[in-house]
Amino acid sequence: ADAYANKVLAEARGQAAQLLEEAEGYRAQQVNQAEGEASRFSAVLAEYEKAPDVTRKRLYLETMENVLGQMDKIILDQSAGGEGQGIVPYLPLNELRRGGKN
């Protein structure tokens, strides 16, 4: 009975140590991520305080690039009179440049 108890106790201690190590790793990861985000925010805030309009525009453009970067795009020209002529061909120049290098 003592051998079984010692075996179970050793396994439980091993599992507890493993859980503690995993929790400590997760904590360190979360702290590092939060510190990185805070650092980036502080950098953006410093730039915003220097030039609010420029920083606001830059953040908007970066966000639109991230959101729309992988989307198919169609450009409509409203000055064409609405008879189907208002569709402007869009050439994905970045993709064409990448394709030419292969």
PDB file of N, CA and C in Angstrom:
ATOM      1  N   ALA A   1       0.821  -1.197   0.000  1.00  0.00           N
ATOM      2  CA  ALA A   1       0.000   0.000   0.000  1.00  0.00           C
ATOM      3  C   ALA A   1       0.863   1.257   0.000  1.00  0.00           C
ATOM      4  N   ASP A   2       1.992   1.192   0.752  1.00  0.00           N
ATOM      5  CA  ASP A   2       2.879   2.358   0.789  1.00  0.00           C
ATOM      6  C   ASP A   2       3.512   2.616  -0.572  1.00  0.00           C
ATOM      7  N   ALA A   3       3.841   1.546  -1.285  1.00  0.00           N
ATOM      8  CA  ALA A   3       4.454   1.705  -2.609  1.00  0.00           C
ATOM      9  C   ALA A   3       3.475   2.395  -3.555  1.00  0.00           C
ATOM     10  N   TYR A   4       2.221   1.972  -3.504  1.00  0.00           N
ATOM     11  CA  TYR A   4       1.200   2.591  -4.353  1.00  0.00           C
ATOM     12  C   TYR A   4       1.008   4.058  -3.984  1.00  0.00           C
ATOM     13  N   ALA A   5       0.946   4.354  -2.696  1.00  0.00           N
ATOM     14  CA  ALA A   5       0.763   5.733  -2.237  1.00  0.00           C
ATOM     15  C   ALA A   5       1.943   6.595  -2.672  1.00  0.00           C
ATOM     16  N   ASN A   6       3.151   6.058  -2.554  1.00  0.00           N
ATOM     17  CA  ASN A   6       4.331   6.813  -2.978  1.00  0.00           C
ATOM     18  C   ASN A   6       4.309   7.073  -4.484  1.00  0.00           C
ATOM     19  N   LYS A   7       3.870   6.076  -5.249  1.00  0.00           N
ATOM     20  CA  LYS A   7       3.793   6.223  -6.705  1.00  0.00           C
ATOM     21  C   LYS A   7       2.779   7.297  -7.078  1.00  0.00           C
ATOM     22  N   VAL A   8       1.596   7.229  -6.496  1.00  0.00           N
ATOM     23  CA  VAL A   8       0.543   8.202  -6.798  1.00  0.00           C
ATOM     24  C   VAL A   8       0.964   9.599  -6.361  1.00  0.00           C
ATOM     25  N   LEU A   9       1.584   9.682  -5.195  1.00  0.00           N
ATOM     26  CA  LEU A   9       2.035  10.975  -4.684  1.00  0.00           C
ATOM     27  C   LEU A   9       3.103  11.584  -5.597  1.00  0.00           C
ATOM     28  N   ALA A  10       4.029  10.758  -6.071  1.00  0.00           N
ATOM     29  CA  ALA A  10       5.082  11.251  -6.970  1.00  0.00           C
ATOM     30  C   ALA A  10       4.480  11.740  -8.289  1.00  0.00           C
ATOM     31  N   GLU A  11       3.518  10.997  -8.825  1.00  0.00           N
ATOM     32  CA  GLU A  11       2.859  11.414 -10.067  1.00  0.00           C
ATOM     33  C   GLU A  11       2.105  12.725  -9.872  1.00  0.00           C
ATOM     34  N   ALA A  12       1.417  12.852  -8.760  1.00  0.00           N
ATOM     35  CA  ALA A  12       0.662  14.078  -8.481  1.00  0.00           C
ATOM     36  C   ALA A  12       1.604  15.270  -8.340  1.00  0.00           C
ATOM     37  N   ARG A  13       2.727  15.057  -7.667  1.00  0.00           N
ATOM     38  CA  ARG A  13       3.701  16.145  -7.527  1.00  0.00           C
ATOM     39  C   ARG A  13       4.282  16.532  -8.889  1.00  0.00           C
ATOM     40  N   GLY A  14       4.531  15.541  -9.720  1.00  0.00           N
ATOM     41  CA  GLY A  14       5.040  15.818 -11.067  1.00  0.00           C
ATOM     42  C   GLY A  14       4.041  16.611 -11.891  1.00  0.00           C
ATOM     43  N   GLN A  15       2.776  16.217 -11.829  1.00  0.00           N
ATOM     44  CA  GLN A  15       1.733  16.950 -12.556  1.00  0.00           C
ATOM     45  C   GLN A  15       1.588  18.367 -12.024  1.00  0.00           C
ATOM     46  N   ALA A  16       1.669  18.517 -10.713  1.00  0.00           N
ATOM     47  CA  ALA A  16       1.558  19.852 -10.111  1.00  0.00           C
ATOM     48  C   ALA A  16       2.722  20.730 -10.559  1.00  0.00           C
ATOM     49  N   ALA A  17       3.925  20.165 -10.575  1.00  0.00           N
ATOM     50  CA  ALA A  17       5.094  20.938 -11.012  1.00  0.00           C
ATOM     51  C   ALA A  17       4.953  21.333 -12.478  1.00  0.00           C
ATOM     52  N   GLN A  18       4.451  20.411 -13.299  1.00  0.00           N
ATOM     53  CA  GLN A  18       4.254  20.708 -14.719  1.00  0.00           C
ATOM     54  C   GLN A  18       3.223  21.821 -14.901  1.00  0.00           C
ATOM     55  N   LEU A  19       2.124  21.750 -14.169  1.00  0.00           N
ATOM     56  CA  LEU A  19       1.097  22.792 -14.258  1.00  0.00           C
ATOM     57  C   LEU A  19       1.641  24.145 -13.827  1.00  0.00           C
ATOM     58  N   LEU A  20       2.443  24.151 -12.771  1.00  0.00           N
ATOM     59  CA  LEU A  20       3.034  25.412 -12.311  1.00  0.00           C
ATOM     60  C   LEU A  20       3.974  25.993 -13.360  1.00  0.00           C
ATOM     61  N   GLU A  21       4.769  25.150 -14.001  1.00  0.00           N
ATOM     62  CA  GLU A  21       5.684  25.621 -15.044  1.00  0.00           C
ATOM     63  C   GLU A  21       4.905  26.178 -16.235  1.00  0.00           C
ATOM     64  N   GLU A  22       3.843  25.477 -16.640  1.00  0.00           N
ATOM     65  CA  GLU A  22       3.017  25.961 -17.749  1.00  0.00           C
ATOM     66  C   GLU A  22       2.362  27.293 -17.399  1.00  0.00           C
ATOM     67  N   ALA A  23       1.870  27.405 -16.185  1.00  0.00           N
ATOM     68  CA  ALA A  23       1.226  28.648 -15.754  1.00  0.00           C
ATOM     69  C   ALA A  23       2.230  29.791 -15.722  1.00  0.00           C
ATOM     70  N   GLU A  24       3.429  29.520 -15.252  1.00  0.00           N
ATOM     71  CA  GLU A  24       4.467  30.559 -15.211  1.00  0.00           C
ATOM     72  C   GLU A  24       4.854  30.994 -16.625  1.00  0.00           C
ATOM     73  N   GLY A  25       4.956  30.043 -17.537  1.00  0.00           N
ATOM     74  CA  GLY A  25       5.252  30.378 -18.931  1.00  0.00           C
ATOM     75  C   GLY A  25       4.151  31.222 -19.550  1.00  0.00           C
ATOM     76  N   TYR A  26       2.907  30.856 -19.283  1.00  0.00           N
ATOM     77  CA  TYR A  26       1.774  31.619 -19.805  1.00  0.00           C
ATOM     78  C   TYR A  26       1.766  33.032 -19.229  1.00  0.00           C
ATOM     79  N   ARG A  27       2.048  33.139 -17.928  1.00  0.00           N
ATOM     80  CA  ARG A  27       2.087  34.452 -17.293  1.00  0.00           C
ATOM     81  C   ARG A  27       3.160  35.323 -17.933  1.00  0.00           C
ATOM     82  N   ALA A  28       4.336  34.760 -18.127  1.00  0.00           N
ATOM     83  CA  ALA A  28       5.436  35.524 -18.729  1.00  0.00           C
ATOM     84  C   ALA A  28       5.076  35.961 -20.145  1.00  0.00           C
ATOM     85  N   GLN A  29       4.440  35.075 -20.892  1.00  0.00           N
ATOM     86  CA  GLN A  29       4.020  35.408 -22.260  1.00  0.00           C
ATOM     87  C   GLN A  29       3.020  36.558 -22.252  1.00  0.00           C
ATOM     88  N   GLN A  30       2.045  36.505 -21.372  1.00  0.00           N
ATOM     89  CA  GLN A  30       1.027  37.553 -21.311  1.00  0.00           C
ATOM     90  C   GLN A  30       1.623  38.886 -20.865  1.00  0.00           C
ATOM     91  N   VAL A  31       2.527  38.841 -19.902  1.00  0.00           N
ATOM     92  CA  VAL A  31       3.175  40.071 -19.431  1.00  0.00           C
ATOM     93  C   VAL A  31       3.999  40.690 -20.554  1.00  0.00           C
ATOM     94  N   ASN A  32       4.769  39.867 -21.263  1.00  0.00           N
ATOM     95  CA  ASN A  32       5.582  40.385 -22.367  1.00  0.00           C
ATOM     96  C   ASN A  32       4.714  40.973 -23.473  1.00  0.00           C
ATOM     97  N   GLN A  33       3.613  40.310 -23.774  1.00  0.00           N
ATOM     98  CA  GLN A  33       2.709  40.823 -24.805  1.00  0.00           C
ATOM     99  C   GLN A  33       2.112  42.160 -24.373  1.00  0.00           C
ATOM    100  N   ALA A  34       1.684  42.257 -23.139  1.00  0.00           N
ATOM    101  CA  ALA A  34       1.097  43.506 -22.641  1.00  0.00           C
ATOM    102  C   ALA A  34       2.131  44.625 -22.623  1.00  0.00           C
ATOM    103  N   GLU A  35       3.354  44.311 -22.229  1.00  0.00           N
ATOM    104  CA  GLU A  35       4.404  45.331 -22.222  1.00  0.00           C
ATOM    105  C   GLU A  35       4.716  45.802 -23.635  1.00  0.00           C
ATOM    106  N   GLY A  36       4.716  44.885 -24.591  1.00  0.00           N
ATOM    107  CA  GLY A  36       4.953  45.256 -25.983  1.00  0.00           C
ATOM    108  C   GLY A  36       3.857  46.156 -26.520  1.00  0.00           C
ATOM    109  N   GLU A  37       2.606  45.807 -26.233  1.00  0.00           N
ATOM    110  CA  GLU A  37       1.488  46.637 -26.682  1.00  0.00           C
ATOM    111  C   GLU A  37       1.530  48.012 -26.033  1.00  0.00           C
ATOM    112  N   ALA A  38       1.868  48.069 -24.756  1.00  0.00           N
ATOM    113  CA  ALA A  38       1.959  49.359 -24.063  1.00  0.00           C
ATOM    114  C   ALA A  38       3.082  50.205 -24.651  1.00  0.00           C
ATOM    115  N   SER A  39       4.178  49.567 -24.994  1.00  0.00           N
ATOM    116  CA  SER A  39       5.302  50.286 -25.595  1.00  0.00           C
ATOM    117  C   SER A  39       4.915  50.853 -26.959  1.00  0.00           C
ATOM    118  N   ARG A  40       4.239  50.051 -27.777  1.00  0.00           N
ATOM    119  CA  ARG A  40       3.782  50.538 -29.091  1.00  0.00           C
ATOM    120  C   ARG A  40       2.787  51.679 -28.921  1.00  0.00           C
ATOM    121  N   PHE A  41       1.889  51.558 -27.960  1.00  0.00           N
ATOM    122  CA  PHE A  41       0.919  52.619 -27.721  1.00  0.00           C
ATOM    123  C   PHE A  41       1.624  53.902 -27.303  1.00  0.00           C
ATOM    124  N   SER A  42       2.611  53.785 -26.425  1.00  0.00           N
ATOM    125  CA  SER A  42       3.347  54.974 -25.980  1.00  0.00           C
ATOM    126  C   SER A  42       4.063  55.643 -27.144  1.00  0.00           C
ATOM    127  N   ALA A  43       4.612  54.842 -28.046  1.00  0.00           N
ATOM    128  CA  ALA A  43       5.290  55.406 -29.215  1.00  0.00           C
ATOM    129  C   ALA A  43       4.301  56.138 -30.116  1.00  0.00           C
ATOM    130  N   VAL A  44       3.135  55.541 -30.337  1.00  0.00           N
ATOM    131  CA  VAL A  44       2.115  56.193 -31.167  1.00  0.00           C
ATOM    132  C   VAL A  44       1.619  57.457 -30.480  1.00  0.00           C
ATOM    133  N   LEU A  45       1.435  57.408 -29.178  1.00  0.00           N
ATOM    134  CA  LEU A  45       0.977  58.584 -28.440  1.00  0.00           C
ATOM    135  C   LEU A  45       1.979  59.727 -28.563  1.00  0.00           C
ATOM    136  N   ALA A  46       3.259  59.415 -28.465  1.00  0.00           N
ATOM    137  CA  ALA A  46       4.283  60.460 -28.589  1.00  0.00           C
ATOM    138  C   ALA A  46       4.223  61.105 -29.970  1.00  0.00           C
ATOM    139  N   GLU A  47       4.043  60.283 -31.010  1.00  0.00           N
ATOM    140  CA  GLU A  47       3.937  60.830 -32.369  1.00  0.00           C
ATOM    141  C   GLU A  47       2.639  61.619 -32.527  1.00  0.00           C
ATOM    142  N   TYR A  48       1.569  61.132 -31.908  1.00  0.00           N
ATOM    143  CA  TYR A  48       0.284  61.828 -31.997  1.00  0.00           C
ATOM    144  C   TYR A  48       0.372  63.206 -31.352  1.00  0.00           C
ATOM    145  N   GLU A  49       1.066  63.292 -30.236  1.00  0.00           N
ATOM    146  CA  GLU A  49       1.200  64.588 -29.561  1.00  0.00           C
ATOM    147  C   GLU A  49       1.994  65.575 -30.408  1.00  0.00           C
ATOM    148  N   LYS A  50       2.929  65.080 -31.215  1.00  0.00           N
ATOM    149  CA  LYS A  50       3.711  65.954 -32.090  1.00  0.00           C
ATOM    150  C   LYS A  50       2.889  66.419 -33.288  1.00  0.00           C
ATOM    151  N   ALA A  51       2.151  65.487 -33.906  1.00  0.00           N
ATOM    152  CA  ALA A  51       1.398  65.805 -35.129  1.00  0.00           C
ATOM    153  C   ALA A  51       0.116  64.984 -35.152  1.00  0.00           C
ATOM    154  N   PRO A  52      -0.946  65.467 -34.504  1.00  0.00           N
ATOM    155  CA  PRO A  52      -2.181  64.681 -34.396  1.00  0.00           C
ATOM    156  C   PRO A  52      -2.811  64.331 -35.745  1.00  0.00           C
ATOM    157  N   ASP A  53      -2.888  65.298 -36.659  1.00  0.00           N
ATOM    158  CA  ASP A  53      -3.552  65.038 -37.938  1.00  0.00           C
ATOM    159  C   ASP A  53      -2.803  64.002 -38.761  1.00  0.00           C
ATOM    160  N   VAL A  54      -1.497  64.132 -38.812  1.00  0.00           N
ATOM    161  CA  VAL A  54      -0.685  63.192 -39.588  1.00  0.00           C
ATOM    162  C   VAL A  54      -0.784  61.794 -38.988  1.00  0.00           C
ATOM    163  N   THR A  55      -0.702  61.700 -37.675  1.00  0.00           N
ATOM    164  CA  THR A  55      -0.762  60.397 -37.015  1.00  0.00           C
ATOM    165  C   THR A  55      -2.128  59.758 -37.201  1.00  0.00           C
ATOM    166  N   ARG A  56      -3.176  60.536 -37.084  1.00  0.00           N
ATOM    167  CA  ARG A  56      -4.529  60.010 -37.276  1.00  0.00           C
ATOM    168  C   ARG A  56      -4.690  59.464 -38.697  1.00  0.00           C
ATOM    169  N   LYS A  57      -4.207  60.207 -39.684  1.00  0.00           N
ATOM    170  CA  LYS A  57      -4.302  59.786 -41.084  1.00  0.00           C
ATOM    171  C   LYS A  57      -3.477  58.514 -41.308  1.00  0.00           C
ATOM    172  N   ARG A  58      -2.274  58.470 -40.729  1.00  0.00           N
ATOM    173  CA  ARG A  58      -1.413  57.296 -40.887  1.00  0.00           C
ATOM    174  C   ARG A  58      -2.069  56.057 -40.282  1.00  0.00           C
ATOM    175  N   LEU A  59      -2.646  56.198 -39.093  1.00  0.00           N
ATOM    176  CA  LEU A  59      -3.321  55.068 -38.457  1.00  0.00           C
ATOM    177  C   LEU A  59      -4.501  54.593 -39.295  1.00  0.00           C
ATOM    178  N   TYR A  60      -5.240  55.537 -39.865  1.00  0.00           N
ATOM    179  CA  TYR A  60      -6.375  55.181 -40.721  1.00  0.00           C
ATOM    180  C   TYR A  60      -5.886  54.403 -41.945  1.00  0.00           C
ATOM    181  N   LEU A  61      -4.850  54.917 -42.603  1.00  0.00           N
ATOM    182  CA  LEU A  61      -4.347  54.264 -43.810  1.00  0.00           C
ATOM    183  C   LEU A  61      -3.774  52.880 -43.501  1.00  0.00           C
ATOM    184  N   GLU A  62      -3.064  52.749 -42.398  1.00  0.00           N
ATOM    185  CA  GLU A  62      -2.531  51.442 -42.013  1.00  0.00           C
ATOM    186  C   GLU A  62      -3.655  50.454 -41.723  1.00  0.00           C
ATOM    187  N   THR A  63      -4.699  50.922 -41.061  1.00  0.00           N
ATOM    188  CA  THR A  63      -5.830  50.051 -40.757  1.00  0.00           C
ATOM    189  C   THR A  63      -6.527  49.608 -42.035  1.00  0.00           C
ATOM    190  N   MET A  64      -6.753  50.542 -42.951  1.00  0.00           N
ATOM    191  CA  MET A  64      -7.398  50.192 -44.218  1.00  0.00           C
ATOM    192  C   MET A  64      -6.535  49.220 -45.016  1.00  0.00           C
ATOM    193  N   GLU A  65      -5.231  49.411 -44.980  1.00  0.00           N
ATOM    194  CA  GLU A  65      -4.334  48.496 -45.686  1.00  0.00           C
ATOM    195  C   GLU A  65      -4.424  47.095 -45.093  1.00  0.00           C
ATOM    196  N   ASN A  66      -4.481  47.003 -43.776  1.00  0.00           N
ATOM    197  CA  ASN A  66      -4.606  45.694 -43.126  1.00  0.00           C
ATOM    198  C   ASN A  66      -5.951  45.050 -43.426  1.00  0.00           C
ATOM    199  N   VAL A  67      -7.016  45.834 -43.386  1.00  0.00           N
ATOM    200  CA  VAL A  67      -8.358  45.294 -43.583  1.00  0.00           C
ATOM    201  C   VAL A  67      -8.598  44.932 -45.040  1.00  0.00           C
ATOM    202  N   LEU A  68      -8.209  45.812 -45.942  1.00  0.00           N
ATOM    203  CA  LEU A  68      -8.528  45.625 -47.355  1.00  0.00           C
ATOM    204  C   LEU A  68      -7.383  45.042 -48.172  1.00  0.00           C
ATOM    205  N   GLY A  69      -6.261  44.772 -47.545  1.00  0.00           N
ATOM    206  CA  GLY A  69      -5.084  44.328 -48.282  1.00  0.00           C
ATOM    207  C   GLY A  69      -5.280  43.051 -49.072  1.00  0.00           C
ATOM    208  N   GLN A  70      -6.069  42.132 -48.576  1.00  0.00           N
ATOM    209  CA  GLN A  70      -6.261  40.846 -49.245  1.00  0.00           C
ATOM    210  C   GLN A  70      -7.577  40.763 -50.019  1.00  0.00           C
ATOM    211  N   MET A  71      -8.295  41.864 -50.101  1.00  0.00           N
ATOM    212  CA  MET A  71      -9.601  41.864 -50.751  1.00  0.00           C
ATOM    213  C   MET A  71      -9.467  42.186 -52.232  1.00  0.00           C
ATOM    214  N   ASP A  72     -10.383  41.642 -53.042  1.00  0.00           N
ATOM    215  CA  ASP A  72     -10.481  42.058 -54.437  1.00  0.00           C
ATOM    216  C   ASP A  72     -11.100  43.442 -54.453  1.00  0.00           C
ATOM    217  N   LYS A  73     -10.590  44.288 -55.322  1.00  0.00           N
ATOM    218  CA  LYS A  73     -11.050  45.677 -55.336  1.00  0.00           C
ATOM    219  C   LYS A  73     -11.625  46.035 -56.702  1.00  0.00           C
ATOM    220  N   ILE A  74     -12.709  46.779 -56.684  1.00  0.00           N
ATOM    221  CA  ILE A  74     -13.304  47.349 -57.894  1.00  0.00           C
ATOM    222  C   ILE A  74     -13.473  48.828 -57.626  1.00  0.00           C
ATOM    223  N   ILE A  75     -13.003  49.630 -58.548  1.00  0.00           N
ATOM    224  CA  ILE A  75     -13.095  51.078 -58.399  1.00  0.00           C
ATOM    225  C   ILE A  75     -14.195  51.572 -59.321  1.00  0.00           C
ATOM    226  N   LEU A  76     -15.133  52.335 -58.765  1.00  0.00           N
ATOM    227  CA  LEU A  76     -16.237  52.886 -59.547  1.00  0.00           C
ATOM    228  C   LEU A  76     -16.024  54.370 -59.748  1.00  0.00           C
ATOM    229  N   ASP A  77     -16.215  54.799 -60.978  1.00  0.00           N
ATOM    230  CA  ASP A  77     -16.079  56.211 -61.322  1.00  0.00           C
ATOM    231  C   ASP A  77     -17.481  56.777 -61.497  1.00  0.00           C
ATOM    232  N   GLN A  78     -17.922  57.598 -60.558  1.00  0.00           N
ATOM    233  CA  GLN A  78     -19.279  58.138 -60.600  1.00  0.00           C
ATOM    234  C   GLN A  78     -19.462  59.159 -61.712  1.00  0.00           C
ATOM    235  N   SER A  79     -18.399  59.695 -62.235  1.00  0.00           N
ATOM    236  CA  SER A  79     -18.530  60.703 -63.285  1.00  0.00           C
ATOM    237  C   SER A  79     -18.856  60.078 -64.636  1.00  0.00           C
ATOM    238  N   ALA A  80     -18.945  58.751 -64.728  1.00  0.00           N
ATOM    239  CA  ALA A  80     -19.189  58.089 -66.006  1.00  0.00           C
ATOM    240  C   ALA A  80     -20.662  58.038 -66.374  1.00  0.00           C
ATOM    241  N   GLY A  81     -21.552  58.504 -65.568  1.00  0.00           N
ATOM    242  CA  GLY A  81     -22.964  58.562 -65.927  1.00  0.00           C
ATOM    243  C   GLY A  81     -23.768  57.343 -65.549  1.00  0.00           C
ATOM    244  N   GLY A  82     -23.207  56.374 -64.898  1.00  0.00           N
ATOM    245  CA  GLY A  82     -23.955  55.233 -64.386  1.00  0.00           C
ATOM    246  C   GLY A  82     -24.425  54.256 -65.436  1.00  0.00           C
ATOM    247  N   GLU A  83     -23.805  54.178 -66.610  1.00  0.00           N
ATOM    248  CA  GLU A  83     -24.225  53.244 -67.655  1.00  0.00           C
ATOM    249  C   GLU A  83     -23.261  52.067 -67.768  1.00  0.00           C
ATOM    250  N   GLY A  84     -22.704  51.635 -66.669  1.00  0.00           N
ATOM    251  CA  GLY A  84     -21.762  50.528 -66.708  1.00  0.00           C
ATOM    252  C   GLY A  84     -20.368  50.955 -67.116  1.00  0.00           C
ATOM    253  N   GLN A  85     -20.220  52.183 -67.509  1.00  0.00           N
ATOM    254  CA  GLN A  85     -18.921  52.685 -67.932  1.00  0.00           C
ATOM    255  C   GLN A  85     -18.071  53.117 -66.742  1.00  0.00           C
ATOM    256  N   GLY A  86     -18.656  53.137 -65.558  1.00  0.00           N
ATOM    257  CA  GLY A  86     -17.958  53.679 -64.402  1.00  0.00           C
ATOM    258  C   GLY A  86     -17.000  52.728 -63.726  1.00  0.00           C
ATOM    259  N   ILE A  87     -16.867  51.507 -64.240  1.00  0.00           N
ATOM    260  CA  ILE A  87     -15.949  50.559 -63.618  1.00  0.00           C
ATOM    261  C   ILE A  87     -14.551  50.804 -64.171  1.00  0.00           C
ATOM    262  N   VAL A  88     -13.655  51.083 -63.268  1.00  0.00           N
ATOM    263  CA  VAL A  88     -12.270  51.353 -63.650  1.00  0.00           C
ATOM    264  C   VAL A  88     -11.462  50.088 -63.400  1.00  0.00           C
ATOM    265  N   PRO A  89     -10.698  49.628 -64.387  1.00  0.00           N
ATOM    266  CA  PRO A  89      -9.890  48.422 -64.150  1.00  0.00           C
ATOM    267  C   PRO A  89      -8.869  48.670 -63.047  1.00  0.00           C
ATOM    268  N   TYR A  90      -8.732  47.687 -62.195  1.00  0.00           N
ATOM    269  CA  TYR A  90      -7.771  47.784 -61.091  1.00  0.00           C
ATOM    270  C   TYR A  90      -6.685  46.747 -61.326  1.00  0.00           C
ATOM    271  N   LEU A  91      -5.465  47.196 -61.386  1.00  0.00           N
ATOM    272  CA  LEU A  91      -4.345  46.276 -61.536  1.00  0.00           C
ATOM    273  C   LEU A  91      -3.633  46.159 -60.192  1.00  0.00           C
ATOM    274  N   PRO A  92      -3.573  44.968 -59.630  1.00  0.00           N
ATOM    275  CA  PRO A  92      -2.872  44.781 -58.353  1.00  0.00           C
ATOM    276  C   PRO A  92      -1.361  44.808 -58.582  1.00  0.00           C
ATOM    277  N   LEU A  93      -0.794  45.996 -58.586  1.00  0.00           N
ATOM    278  CA  LEU A  93       0.613  46.156 -58.951  1.00  0.00           C
ATOM    279  C   LEU A  93       1.552  45.388 -58.034  1.00  0.00           C
ATOM    280  N   ASN A  94       1.239  45.335 -56.756  1.00  0.00           N
ATOM    281  CA  ASN A  94       2.100  44.580 -55.834  1.00  0.00           C
ATOM    282  C   ASN A  94       2.165  43.109 -56.227  1.00  0.00           C
ATOM    283  N   GLU A  95       1.009  42.534 -56.580  1.00  0.00           N
ATOM    284  CA  GLU A  95       0.975  41.128 -56.968  1.00  0.00           C
ATOM    285  C   GLU A  95       1.663  40.918 -58.304  1.00  0.00           C
ATOM    286  N   LEU A  96       1.494  41.857 -59.228  1.00  0.00           N
ATOM    287  CA  LEU A  96       2.150  41.730 -60.522  1.00  0.00           C
ATOM    288  C   LEU A  96       3.666  41.785 -60.368  1.00  0.00           C
ATOM    289  N   ARG A  97       4.142  42.663 -59.493  1.00  0.00           N
ATOM    290  CA  ARG A  97       5.578  42.749 -59.251  1.00  0.00           C
ATOM    291  C   ARG A  97       6.109  41.465 -58.632  1.00  0.00           C
ATOM    292  N   ARG A  98       5.370  40.908 -57.676  1.00  0.00           N
ATOM    293  CA  ARG A  98       5.798  39.656 -57.048  1.00  0.00           C
ATOM    294  C   ARG A  98       5.789  38.524 -58.062  1.00  0.00           C
ATOM    295  N   GLY A  99       4.762  38.499 -58.907  1.00  0.00           N
ATOM    296  CA  GLY A  99       4.654  37.447 -59.910  1.00  0.00           C
ATOM    297  C   GLY A  99       5.764  37.509 -60.934  1.00  0.00           C
ATOM    298  N   GLY A 100       6.237  38.686 -61.251  1.00  0.00           N
ATOM    299  CA  GLY A 100       7.302  38.847 -62.229  1.00  0.00           C
ATOM    300  C   GLY A 100       8.649  38.386 -61.727  1.00  0.00           C
ATOM    301  N   LYS A 101       8.821  38.309 -60.417  1.00  0.00           N
ATOM    302  CA  LYS A 101      10.106  37.905 -59.837  1.00  0.00           C
ATOM    303  C   LYS A 101      10.254  36.396 -59.789  1.00  0.00           C
ATOM    304  N   ASN A 102       9.149  35.654 -59.909  1.00  0.00           N
ATOM    305  CA  ASN A 102       9.215  34.185 -59.795  1.00  0.00           C
ATOM    306  C   ASN A 102       9.726  33.563 -61.048  1.00  0.00           C
TER     307      ASN A 102
END
